[in-house]
Amino acid sequence: MASPSVINGDQQFNGRAIFNNSVTLPEGGVKDREVAAAADIEYTKVQHVHAIGYQQDPGSAVVAETKLLHIARGSKVELIGLKAVVITPATGADRTVTIDLQRSTGGGAFASVLTAELVFDDGATARTPVTAAIDSATLAENDLLQLVITVAGSADDQAEGLLVTLHLYERAT
């Protein structure tokens, strides 16, 4: 291939620029404003960030539950973060609410993707979200995610109201 011609300095075209081959743009060279509102870009060419929420009623004691959340789809799937909050902390010294996020790969058993489970006890602060540390952030196509909530203790009152939000990124192809 011959050396490309180089034009130094800014250029302005008062009409269309037509290229007979592909154009290479610098990374980040196409911004939102350059994409027409009616561009009809296919879903396979965009990146998706999902916010998946789970909640238990604010006025009710948190109960144990296992909830399926998501089937991973795409060539690149990453967990961005998991946050949880109790609305009213437990009053009993032995009361706990434990949150775990688990993954099943290829039909295998579910296993935690967190470095450590989130635990809310009688020392939790009301309405203050806590961020989980994610140990295994990368998922494969068709991995399953489930949320596991366990409760323990019998003294006084259990925590009330639970909200969990999981953020994940998926590249469609």
Foldseek 3Di string as FASTA:
>chain_A
DDDDDDDDDDDDDPDDDDDPDDDDDPVVRDDPVNQDPPNPDDLLQDKDKDKWKDKDDQVDFDAWDKFWTDFAAAAWKFWDWKKKFFQFAFQDQWKKKWKFKWKDPPNHDTDGQFPGIDITHNPDDHPDMDITHGNDTIDHGGIIMMMTIHIDDDPHGHTGMMMMIIIMMHNRD
